[in-house]
Amino acid sequence: MHDVMALVWLIDILVIGVKVLGGRIPVHPVLRYGLWVAVLATLAAGIAVLAGLLVLLNHWLTTSVAVPS
């Protein structure tokens, strides 16, 4: 039961964050811009990690392994 409440709290925090980003909740502009910077930085970090994993996958797939005969 506690896991469900934790999920509800996380969804509630996400909804509040989206409302702040969208301007539906009046907050100080510095907070809104800072939140946008945090979201965009997280998105950029995720794209960088994905690109790095794709490079590693490409390296792993193109590296030939000597098979003993």
Foldseek 3Di string as FASTA:
>chain_A
DVVVVVVVVVVVVVVVLVCLLVVVDDDPVVVNVVSVVVVVVVVVVVVVVVVVVVVVVVVVVPDDDDDDD
